N, C-alpha and C. Protein backbone atom coordinates (compact mmCIF):
# COMPACT_ATOMS: atom_id res chain seq x y z
N MET A 1 6.68 2.33 2.10
CA MET A 1 7.30 2.30 2.95
C MET A 1 8.47 1.15 3.93
N LYS A 2 9.38 1.01 3.49
CA LYS A 2 9.74 1.36 4.37
C LYS A 2 10.73 0.27 4.24
N PRO A 3 10.58 -2.24 5.01
CA PRO A 3 10.23 -2.53 4.90
C PRO A 3 10.67 -2.50 5.73
N ARG A 4 12.85 -2.34 6.91
CA ARG A 4 13.25 -3.26 6.90
C ARG A 4 14.37 -3.28 7.12
N SER A 5 14.82 -5.57 9.91
CA SER A 5 16.02 -5.29 10.64
C SER A 5 17.03 -6.22 10.12
N ASN A 6 17.70 -5.76 9.20
CA ASN A 6 18.52 -6.70 8.61
C ASN A 6 19.77 -6.85 9.23
N ARG A 7 19.73 -6.70 10.01
CA ARG A 7 20.87 -7.49 10.13
C ARG A 7 20.95 -7.87 8.69
N VAL A 8 20.17 -7.69 7.85
CA VAL A 8 20.30 -7.52 6.41
C VAL A 8 19.10 -6.74 5.93
N LEU A 9 18.11 -6.56 6.76
CA LEU A 9 16.95 -5.78 6.36
C LEU A 9 17.13 -4.34 6.81
N PRO A 10 16.55 -3.42 6.06
CA PRO A 10 16.68 -2.03 6.44
C PRO A 10 15.86 -1.71 7.67
N HIS A 11 16.37 -0.85 8.48
CA HIS A 11 15.65 -0.46 9.69
C HIS A 11 14.74 0.71 9.44
N THR A 12 15.10 1.59 8.58
CA THR A 12 14.26 2.73 8.31
C THR A 12 13.86 2.65 6.86
N LEU A 13 12.61 2.50 6.65
CA LEU A 13 12.15 2.36 5.29
C LEU A 13 10.95 3.26 5.11
N VAL A 14 11.04 4.16 4.19
CA VAL A 14 9.90 4.98 3.81
C VAL A 14 9.42 4.40 2.50
N LEU A 15 8.17 4.04 2.45
CA LEU A 15 7.62 3.40 1.26
C LEU A 15 6.70 4.36 0.54
N CYS A 16 6.84 4.43 -0.75
CA CYS A 16 6.00 5.29 -1.57
C CYS A 16 5.54 4.51 -2.79
N ALA A 17 4.25 4.44 -3.02
CA ALA A 17 3.72 3.84 -4.24
C ALA A 17 2.99 4.93 -5.00
N THR A 18 3.30 5.09 -6.28
CA THR A 18 2.77 6.20 -7.06
C THR A 18 1.93 5.71 -8.22
N PRO A 19 0.70 6.25 -8.38
CA PRO A 19 -0.11 5.88 -9.54
C PRO A 19 0.08 6.89 -10.67
N LEU A 20 0.21 6.44 -11.88
CA LEU A 20 0.22 7.28 -13.07
C LEU A 20 -0.37 6.47 -14.20
N LEU A 21 -0.69 7.13 -15.31
CA LEU A 21 -1.22 6.42 -16.46
C LEU A 21 -0.10 6.16 -17.46
N ALA A 22 -0.12 5.00 -18.09
CA ALA A 22 0.86 4.65 -19.10
C ALA A 22 0.27 3.56 -19.98
N THR A 23 1.01 3.14 -21.00
CA THR A 23 0.52 2.08 -21.88
C THR A 23 1.28 0.79 -21.61
N LEU A 24 0.67 -0.33 -21.93
CA LEU A 24 1.28 -1.63 -21.70
C LEU A 24 1.94 -2.16 -22.96
N SER A 25 2.96 -2.98 -22.79
CA SER A 25 3.57 -3.68 -23.92
C SER A 25 3.92 -5.09 -23.49
N ALA A 26 4.20 -5.95 -24.43
CA ALA A 26 4.46 -7.35 -24.12
C ALA A 26 5.88 -7.59 -23.63
N ASN A 27 6.81 -6.68 -23.89
CA ASN A 27 8.21 -6.87 -23.53
C ASN A 27 8.55 -6.06 -22.29
N ALA A 28 8.02 -6.44 -21.17
CA ALA A 28 8.15 -5.65 -19.96
C ALA A 28 9.16 -6.26 -19.00
N HIS A 29 9.79 -5.40 -18.20
CA HIS A 29 10.58 -5.87 -17.08
C HIS A 29 10.75 -4.75 -16.06
N VAL A 30 10.98 -5.17 -14.81
CA VAL A 30 11.14 -4.22 -13.72
C VAL A 30 12.55 -3.63 -13.78
N VAL A 31 12.62 -2.32 -13.62
CA VAL A 31 13.90 -1.62 -13.55
C VAL A 31 14.10 -1.21 -12.10
N SER A 32 15.22 -1.62 -11.52
CA SER A 32 15.55 -1.29 -10.14
C SER A 32 16.73 -0.32 -10.13
N THR A 33 16.48 0.90 -9.65
CA THR A 33 17.52 1.91 -9.55
C THR A 33 17.91 2.02 -8.08
N LYS A 34 19.20 1.86 -7.80
CA LYS A 34 19.67 1.86 -6.41
C LYS A 34 20.72 2.95 -6.23
N GLU A 35 20.67 3.57 -5.06
CA GLU A 35 21.68 4.56 -4.73
C GLU A 35 21.87 4.60 -3.22
N SER A 36 23.00 5.15 -2.79
CA SER A 36 23.26 5.26 -1.36
C SER A 36 24.05 6.54 -1.10
N ASN A 37 24.02 6.96 0.16
CA ASN A 37 24.84 8.11 0.56
C ASN A 37 25.13 8.01 2.04
N ASN A 38 25.96 8.89 2.52
CA ASN A 38 26.32 8.88 3.93
C ASN A 38 25.70 10.05 4.68
N THR A 39 24.74 10.74 4.06
CA THR A 39 24.13 11.91 4.69
C THR A 39 22.77 11.62 5.30
N GLY A 40 22.08 10.59 4.80
CA GLY A 40 20.72 10.31 5.28
C GLY A 40 19.70 11.27 4.71
N THR A 41 20.09 12.02 3.69
CA THR A 41 19.21 13.04 3.11
C THR A 41 18.75 12.60 1.73
N TRP A 42 17.43 12.63 1.51
CA TRP A 42 16.86 12.29 0.21
C TRP A 42 15.73 13.27 -0.09
N THR A 43 15.46 13.47 -1.35
CA THR A 43 14.29 14.21 -1.78
C THR A 43 13.23 13.19 -2.15
N LEU A 44 12.13 13.16 -1.42
CA LEU A 44 11.08 12.19 -1.69
C LEU A 44 10.37 12.55 -2.98
N PRO A 45 9.89 11.55 -3.72
CA PRO A 45 9.27 11.82 -5.02
C PRO A 45 7.97 12.60 -4.87
N ALA A 46 7.70 13.43 -5.88
CA ALA A 46 6.44 14.17 -5.92
C ALA A 46 5.33 13.22 -6.35
N GLY A 47 4.12 13.58 -6.05
CA GLY A 47 2.99 12.76 -6.47
C GLY A 47 2.29 12.13 -5.29
N THR A 48 1.32 11.31 -5.59
CA THR A 48 0.50 10.67 -4.58
C THR A 48 1.17 9.42 -4.04
N ASN A 49 1.27 9.33 -2.71
CA ASN A 49 1.76 8.12 -2.07
C ASN A 49 0.54 7.32 -1.65
N LEU A 50 0.28 6.24 -2.34
CA LEU A 50 -0.92 5.43 -2.07
C LEU A 50 -0.89 4.72 -0.72
N LEU A 51 0.27 4.67 -0.08
CA LEU A 51 0.37 3.98 1.20
C LEU A 51 0.13 4.91 2.39
N THR A 52 0.12 6.21 2.18
CA THR A 52 -0.09 7.15 3.26
C THR A 52 -1.48 6.99 3.85
N GLY A 53 -1.54 6.81 5.16
CA GLY A 53 -2.81 6.77 5.87
C GLY A 53 -3.55 5.45 5.84
N VAL A 54 -3.05 4.44 5.13
CA VAL A 54 -3.75 3.16 5.12
C VAL A 54 -3.40 2.38 6.38
N THR A 55 -4.29 1.49 6.78
CA THR A 55 -4.08 0.68 7.97
C THR A 55 -3.38 -0.61 7.57
N ALA A 56 -2.18 -0.79 8.07
CA ALA A 56 -1.38 -1.95 7.73
C ALA A 56 -1.79 -3.17 8.54
N SER A 57 -1.49 -4.33 7.99
CA SER A 57 -1.73 -5.59 8.68
C SER A 57 -0.44 -6.41 8.61
N PRO A 58 0.06 -6.90 9.75
CA PRO A 58 -0.50 -6.80 11.09
C PRO A 58 -0.44 -5.37 11.61
N GLY A 59 -1.13 -5.14 12.71
CA GLY A 59 -1.26 -3.80 13.25
C GLY A 59 0.01 -3.21 13.82
N ALA A 60 0.95 -4.04 14.23
CA ALA A 60 2.18 -3.53 14.84
C ALA A 60 3.38 -4.30 14.31
N VAL A 61 4.52 -3.66 14.35
CA VAL A 61 5.79 -4.27 13.96
C VAL A 61 6.56 -4.63 15.22
N VAL A 62 7.30 -5.71 15.18
CA VAL A 62 8.18 -6.07 16.28
C VAL A 62 9.28 -5.01 16.35
N ALA A 63 9.49 -4.45 17.52
CA ALA A 63 10.47 -3.37 17.67
C ALA A 63 11.79 -3.90 18.23
N HIS A 64 12.87 -3.38 17.69
CA HIS A 64 14.22 -3.69 18.16
C HIS A 64 14.99 -2.38 18.30
N GLU A 65 15.91 -2.35 19.22
CA GLU A 65 16.85 -1.23 19.36
C GLU A 65 16.15 0.12 19.50
N GLY A 66 14.98 0.14 20.14
CA GLY A 66 14.27 1.39 20.38
C GLY A 66 13.47 1.90 19.20
N SER A 67 13.23 1.04 18.21
CA SER A 67 12.51 1.48 17.01
C SER A 67 11.00 1.52 17.26
N SER A 68 10.29 2.07 16.30
CA SER A 68 8.84 2.23 16.38
C SER A 68 8.12 0.89 16.25
N THR A 69 6.96 0.78 16.88
CA THR A 69 6.11 -0.40 16.72
C THR A 69 5.00 -0.14 15.71
N SER A 70 5.02 1.01 15.05
CA SER A 70 3.97 1.39 14.10
C SER A 70 4.45 1.26 12.66
N TRP A 71 3.69 0.50 11.86
CA TRP A 71 4.01 0.41 10.43
C TRP A 71 3.83 1.77 9.76
N GLY A 72 3.02 2.64 10.35
CA GLY A 72 2.83 3.98 9.80
C GLY A 72 4.13 4.76 9.69
N THR A 73 5.12 4.38 10.49
CA THR A 73 6.43 5.00 10.42
C THR A 73 7.04 4.83 9.02
N LEU A 74 6.67 3.75 8.35
CA LEU A 74 7.21 3.49 7.01
C LEU A 74 6.56 4.34 5.93
N THR A 75 5.38 4.84 6.19
CA THR A 75 4.61 5.51 5.14
C THR A 75 4.26 6.96 5.46
N ASP A 76 4.85 7.52 6.51
CA ASP A 76 4.46 8.87 6.93
C ASP A 76 5.15 9.99 6.15
N GLY A 77 5.98 9.64 5.19
CA GLY A 77 6.61 10.64 4.35
C GLY A 77 7.85 11.29 4.94
N THR A 78 8.33 10.77 6.07
CA THR A 78 9.56 11.28 6.65
C THR A 78 10.58 10.16 6.71
N LEU A 79 11.85 10.54 6.68
CA LEU A 79 12.91 9.55 6.78
C LEU A 79 13.20 9.28 8.24
N GLY A 80 13.69 8.11 8.51
CA GLY A 80 13.90 7.65 9.88
C GLY A 80 15.15 8.16 10.54
N ASP A 81 15.89 7.26 11.13
CA ASP A 81 16.97 7.55 12.05
C ASP A 81 18.15 8.25 11.38
N THR A 82 17.98 9.53 11.09
CA THR A 82 19.07 10.29 10.50
C THR A 82 19.91 10.98 11.57
N ALA A 83 19.39 11.06 12.78
CA ALA A 83 20.11 11.79 13.84
C ALA A 83 20.18 10.99 15.13
N GLY A 84 20.29 9.67 15.02
CA GLY A 84 20.40 8.85 16.22
C GLY A 84 19.10 8.70 16.98
N THR A 85 17.97 8.74 16.29
CA THR A 85 16.66 8.59 16.91
C THR A 85 15.98 7.35 16.34
N PRO A 86 16.25 6.16 16.87
CA PRO A 86 15.69 4.94 16.28
C PRO A 86 14.17 4.85 16.34
N ALA A 87 13.51 5.62 17.19
CA ALA A 87 12.04 5.56 17.27
C ALA A 87 11.38 6.06 15.99
N THR A 88 12.15 6.69 15.11
CA THR A 88 11.62 7.13 13.82
C THR A 88 11.83 6.08 12.74
N SER A 89 12.22 4.88 13.15
CA SER A 89 12.52 3.77 12.23
C SER A 89 11.70 2.55 12.61
N CYS A 90 11.62 1.59 11.69
CA CYS A 90 11.04 0.28 11.97
C CYS A 90 12.10 -0.78 11.77
N THR A 91 12.07 -1.80 12.61
CA THR A 91 13.07 -2.86 12.53
C THR A 91 12.39 -4.23 12.56
N PRO A 92 11.69 -4.60 11.50
CA PRO A 92 11.00 -5.89 11.50
C PRO A 92 11.98 -7.05 11.49
N ASN A 93 11.49 -8.20 11.93
CA ASN A 93 12.29 -9.42 11.88
C ASN A 93 12.43 -9.90 10.45
N ASN A 94 13.52 -10.60 10.16
CA ASN A 94 13.64 -11.28 8.88
C ASN A 94 12.48 -12.26 8.76
N GLY A 95 11.84 -12.29 7.62
CA GLY A 95 10.70 -13.17 7.40
C GLY A 95 9.36 -12.54 7.70
N ASP A 96 9.34 -11.38 8.37
CA ASP A 96 8.09 -10.67 8.62
C ASP A 96 7.57 -10.07 7.32
N SER A 97 6.28 -9.79 7.30
CA SER A 97 5.69 -9.08 6.16
C SER A 97 4.67 -8.09 6.68
N VAL A 98 4.37 -7.11 5.84
CA VAL A 98 3.33 -6.13 6.14
C VAL A 98 2.51 -5.93 4.88
N THR A 99 1.19 -5.87 5.06
CA THR A 99 0.27 -5.68 3.94
C THR A 99 -0.43 -4.35 4.10
N PHE A 100 -0.47 -3.59 3.01
CA PHE A 100 -1.13 -2.29 2.97
C PHE A 100 -2.30 -2.38 1.99
N PRO A 101 -3.55 -2.53 2.49
CA PRO A 101 -4.70 -2.50 1.59
C PRO A 101 -4.91 -1.06 1.11
N LEU A 102 -4.97 -0.86 -0.18
CA LEU A 102 -5.07 0.49 -0.73
C LEU A 102 -6.49 1.04 -0.61
N ASP A 103 -6.60 2.36 -0.55
CA ASP A 103 -7.91 3.01 -0.57
C ASP A 103 -8.43 2.94 -2.00
N LEU A 104 -9.51 2.20 -2.19
CA LEU A 104 -10.06 1.99 -3.53
C LEU A 104 -11.27 2.87 -3.81
N THR A 105 -11.51 3.87 -2.94
CA THR A 105 -12.62 4.79 -3.16
C THR A 105 -12.45 5.46 -4.52
N GLY A 106 -13.43 5.28 -5.38
CA GLY A 106 -13.35 5.84 -6.72
C GLY A 106 -12.56 4.98 -7.69
N PHE A 107 -12.01 3.87 -7.22
CA PHE A 107 -11.21 2.97 -8.05
C PHE A 107 -11.66 1.53 -7.82
N PRO A 108 -12.91 1.19 -8.14
CA PRO A 108 -13.42 -0.15 -7.85
C PRO A 108 -12.67 -1.27 -8.58
N ALA A 109 -12.01 -0.96 -9.68
CA ALA A 109 -11.24 -1.97 -10.41
C ALA A 109 -9.81 -2.08 -9.90
N GLY A 110 -9.48 -1.30 -8.87
CA GLY A 110 -8.13 -1.34 -8.30
C GLY A 110 -7.27 -0.19 -8.78
N ARG A 111 -6.12 -0.07 -8.16
CA ARG A 111 -5.16 0.99 -8.49
C ARG A 111 -4.11 0.46 -9.45
N ASN A 112 -3.54 1.35 -10.24
CA ASN A 112 -2.42 1.02 -11.11
C ASN A 112 -1.16 1.62 -10.50
N ILE A 113 -0.14 0.80 -10.30
CA ILE A 113 1.09 1.23 -9.66
C ILE A 113 2.17 1.41 -10.72
N THR A 114 2.77 2.60 -10.76
CA THR A 114 3.81 2.87 -11.75
C THR A 114 5.21 2.86 -11.16
N SER A 115 5.33 3.14 -9.86
CA SER A 115 6.66 3.13 -9.25
C SER A 115 6.54 2.82 -7.76
N PHE A 116 7.64 2.37 -7.20
CA PHE A 116 7.71 2.08 -5.78
C PHE A 116 9.08 2.51 -5.30
N ASP A 117 9.12 3.38 -4.30
CA ASP A 117 10.37 3.88 -3.75
C ASP A 117 10.51 3.43 -2.31
N SER A 118 11.69 2.95 -1.95
CA SER A 118 11.97 2.60 -0.56
C SER A 118 13.27 3.27 -0.14
N TYR A 119 13.27 3.78 1.07
CA TYR A 119 14.41 4.50 1.62
C TYR A 119 14.77 3.89 2.96
N CYS A 120 16.04 3.75 3.22
CA CYS A 120 16.52 3.31 4.53
C CYS A 120 17.55 4.31 5.03
N THR A 121 17.39 4.72 6.26
CA THR A 121 18.41 5.55 6.90
C THR A 121 18.61 5.04 8.32
N TRP A 122 19.79 5.18 8.81
CA TRP A 122 20.13 4.75 10.16
C TRP A 122 21.27 5.64 10.62
N GLY A 123 21.47 5.74 11.90
CA GLY A 123 22.49 6.61 12.47
C GLY A 123 23.91 6.26 12.07
N ASN A 124 24.12 5.01 11.62
CA ASN A 124 25.43 4.58 11.12
C ASN A 124 25.18 3.58 9.99
N SER A 125 26.22 2.93 9.53
CA SER A 125 26.06 2.02 8.39
C SER A 125 25.53 0.64 8.78
N GLY A 126 25.10 0.46 10.01
CA GLY A 126 24.70 -0.85 10.49
C GLY A 126 23.32 -1.33 10.06
N ARG A 127 22.43 -0.45 9.66
CA ARG A 127 21.05 -0.86 9.37
C ARG A 127 20.48 -0.17 8.14
N ASP A 128 21.27 0.04 7.13
CA ASP A 128 20.78 0.77 5.97
C ASP A 128 20.54 -0.12 4.75
N ASN A 129 20.83 -1.40 4.85
CA ASN A 129 20.63 -2.29 3.71
C ASN A 129 19.15 -2.55 3.47
N GLN A 130 18.82 -2.88 2.24
CA GLN A 130 17.45 -3.23 1.88
C GLN A 130 17.45 -4.64 1.29
N ASP A 131 16.53 -5.46 1.77
CA ASP A 131 16.36 -6.83 1.26
C ASP A 131 14.90 -7.21 1.49
N TYR A 132 14.09 -6.99 0.48
CA TYR A 132 12.66 -7.26 0.60
C TYR A 132 12.10 -7.69 -0.75
N THR A 133 10.96 -8.35 -0.69
CA THR A 133 10.22 -8.70 -1.91
C THR A 133 8.93 -7.90 -1.91
N LEU A 134 8.71 -7.15 -2.98
CA LEU A 134 7.50 -6.37 -3.16
C LEU A 134 6.47 -7.25 -3.86
N GLN A 135 5.26 -7.31 -3.30
CA GLN A 135 4.19 -8.13 -3.85
C GLN A 135 2.91 -7.30 -3.93
N TYR A 136 1.95 -7.78 -4.74
CA TYR A 136 0.65 -7.13 -4.82
C TYR A 136 -0.44 -8.17 -4.97
N SER A 137 -1.65 -7.79 -4.58
CA SER A 137 -2.83 -8.61 -4.86
C SER A 137 -3.77 -7.76 -5.71
N THR A 138 -4.66 -8.43 -6.41
CA THR A 138 -5.60 -7.72 -7.28
C THR A 138 -6.99 -7.66 -6.64
N VAL A 139 -7.81 -6.78 -7.15
CA VAL A 139 -9.19 -6.69 -6.71
C VAL A 139 -9.89 -8.02 -6.99
N ALA A 140 -9.56 -8.65 -8.10
CA ALA A 140 -10.18 -9.92 -8.47
C ALA A 140 -9.80 -11.05 -7.52
N ASN A 141 -8.61 -10.97 -6.90
CA ASN A 141 -8.15 -12.02 -6.00
C ASN A 141 -7.31 -11.38 -4.88
N PRO A 142 -7.96 -10.71 -3.92
CA PRO A 142 -7.24 -9.91 -2.93
C PRO A 142 -6.42 -10.70 -1.91
N THR A 143 -6.57 -12.02 -1.85
CA THR A 143 -5.80 -12.79 -0.87
C THR A 143 -4.61 -13.53 -1.48
N THR A 144 -4.45 -13.45 -2.79
CA THR A 144 -3.32 -14.09 -3.47
C THR A 144 -2.34 -13.00 -3.89
N PHE A 145 -1.08 -13.13 -3.46
CA PHE A 145 -0.08 -12.11 -3.75
C PHE A 145 0.89 -12.58 -4.83
N ILE A 146 1.24 -11.64 -5.68
CA ILE A 146 2.10 -11.88 -6.83
C ILE A 146 3.38 -11.07 -6.64
N ASP A 147 4.54 -11.71 -6.83
CA ASP A 147 5.81 -11.00 -6.71
C ASP A 147 5.97 -9.97 -7.82
N ILE A 148 6.42 -8.78 -7.45
CA ILE A 148 6.81 -7.77 -8.43
C ILE A 148 8.32 -7.81 -8.62
N HIS A 149 9.05 -7.76 -7.49
CA HIS A 149 10.51 -7.70 -7.58
C HIS A 149 11.10 -7.93 -6.19
N THR A 150 12.29 -8.49 -6.14
CA THR A 150 13.05 -8.59 -4.90
C THR A 150 14.16 -7.55 -4.97
N ALA A 151 14.14 -6.63 -4.03
CA ALA A 151 15.13 -5.55 -3.97
C ALA A 151 16.21 -5.92 -2.96
N ARG A 152 17.45 -5.75 -3.38
CA ARG A 152 18.58 -5.99 -2.48
C ARG A 152 19.60 -4.87 -2.67
N VAL A 153 19.86 -4.16 -1.60
CA VAL A 153 20.88 -3.11 -1.61
C VAL A 153 21.73 -3.31 -0.37
N ALA A 154 23.01 -3.54 -0.55
CA ALA A 154 23.95 -3.69 0.57
C ALA A 154 25.09 -2.72 0.34
N THR A 155 25.33 -1.87 1.32
CA THR A 155 26.39 -0.88 1.20
C THR A 155 27.48 -1.19 2.21
N GLY A 156 28.58 -0.55 2.04
CA GLY A 156 29.67 -0.69 2.99
C GLY A 156 29.57 0.34 4.08
N ILE A 157 30.09 1.52 3.80
CA ILE A 157 30.16 2.56 4.83
C ILE A 157 28.98 3.52 4.81
N ASP A 158 28.22 3.55 3.72
CA ASP A 158 27.08 4.47 3.66
C ASP A 158 26.03 4.08 4.69
N ARG A 159 25.21 5.05 5.10
CA ARG A 159 24.20 4.80 6.12
C ARG A 159 22.79 5.09 5.63
N SER A 160 22.65 5.25 4.32
CA SER A 160 21.36 5.60 3.77
C SER A 160 21.24 5.04 2.35
N THR A 161 20.12 4.36 2.06
CA THR A 161 19.93 3.76 0.73
C THR A 161 18.55 4.11 0.18
N HIS A 162 18.46 4.07 -1.14
CA HIS A 162 17.21 4.33 -1.85
C HIS A 162 17.10 3.34 -2.99
N THR A 163 15.92 2.74 -3.13
CA THR A 163 15.62 1.88 -4.27
C THR A 163 14.36 2.40 -4.93
N ARG A 164 14.39 2.53 -6.24
CA ARG A 164 13.21 2.94 -7.02
C ARG A 164 12.92 1.84 -8.02
N LEU A 165 11.71 1.30 -7.95
CA LEU A 165 11.27 0.27 -8.89
C LEU A 165 10.31 0.90 -9.88
N THR A 166 10.57 0.69 -11.16
CA THR A 166 9.68 1.12 -12.23
C THR A 166 9.56 -0.04 -13.20
N GLU A 167 8.74 0.13 -14.21
CA GLU A 167 8.48 -0.93 -15.18
C GLU A 167 8.59 -0.35 -16.57
N THR A 168 9.19 -1.07 -17.48
CA THR A 168 9.41 -0.55 -18.83
C THR A 168 8.11 -0.26 -19.57
N THR A 169 7.01 -0.89 -19.19
CA THR A 169 5.72 -0.62 -19.84
C THR A 169 4.97 0.52 -19.18
N GLY A 170 5.42 0.94 -18.00
CA GLY A 170 4.74 2.00 -17.29
C GLY A 170 4.06 1.54 -16.02
N PHE A 171 3.66 0.28 -15.93
CA PHE A 171 2.96 -0.22 -14.75
C PHE A 171 3.72 -1.35 -14.09
N LEU A 172 3.97 -1.22 -12.78
CA LEU A 172 4.47 -2.36 -12.01
C LEU A 172 3.35 -3.37 -11.80
N ALA A 173 2.13 -2.87 -11.63
CA ALA A 173 0.97 -3.74 -11.39
C ALA A 173 -0.30 -2.95 -11.70
N THR A 174 -1.34 -3.66 -12.14
CA THR A 174 -2.62 -3.02 -12.43
C THR A 174 -3.73 -3.73 -11.66
N GLY A 175 -4.82 -3.02 -11.42
CA GLY A 175 -5.95 -3.59 -10.70
C GLY A 175 -5.60 -3.96 -9.27
N VAL A 176 -4.71 -3.18 -8.65
CA VAL A 176 -4.13 -3.54 -7.35
C VAL A 176 -5.11 -3.28 -6.21
N HIS A 177 -5.24 -4.28 -5.34
CA HIS A 177 -6.01 -4.18 -4.11
C HIS A 177 -5.10 -3.85 -2.93
N SER A 178 -3.98 -4.59 -2.81
CA SER A 178 -3.07 -4.43 -1.67
C SER A 178 -1.62 -4.56 -2.12
N ILE A 179 -0.75 -3.91 -1.35
CA ILE A 179 0.70 -4.03 -1.52
C ILE A 179 1.22 -4.76 -0.29
N ARG A 180 2.11 -5.73 -0.51
CA ARG A 180 2.74 -6.43 0.62
C ARG A 180 4.25 -6.36 0.46
N VAL A 181 4.93 -6.14 1.58
CA VAL A 181 6.39 -6.15 1.61
C VAL A 181 6.81 -7.31 2.50
N LEU A 182 7.58 -8.22 1.94
CA LEU A 182 8.12 -9.37 2.66
C LEU A 182 9.59 -9.07 2.94
N PHE A 183 9.95 -9.00 4.22
CA PHE A 183 11.31 -8.69 4.62
C PHE A 183 12.14 -9.96 4.62
N ASN A 184 13.06 -10.05 3.69
CA ASN A 184 13.90 -11.24 3.55
C ASN A 184 15.01 -11.21 4.57
N GLY A 185 15.74 -12.29 4.67
CA GLY A 185 16.84 -12.29 5.63
C GLY A 185 17.79 -13.41 5.44
């Protein structure tokens, strides 16, 4: 979800992390697919969103321009400010981060992440850019975070962006305890 007030960070970010099974190889790299539009309309990916319903840390986001103070806004499965309603968006400060500890019930060795989708929408083209670093921690070391990828999407006139991160081996990360999004600026 979500991440991100950029004045270069996106204000409305819906974050989706999806688990699937795949095989590993030694020649891996992250594939970042970026797109934008001026409608604010996207079809969210099918499958399980591992970030839905988890309690984020810190508990609240700094709000700007009438945006939400709840990190849950990033992971609730709806897109933000498509109709001039900033309260459906989050506008974190540059340099802020949010950590989502995953539900590991039934997965004591951690979750395997195959894709990560982030969406930004805003009532105009002023807050639709994405600039964040996606990180994860493992069950073996839940307090140390490892970079997966830094996503940057800057548009001109469009007001809505989407970034999809995948990995050529099938997994962005394995044995995952938590996902963290660092909002760059």
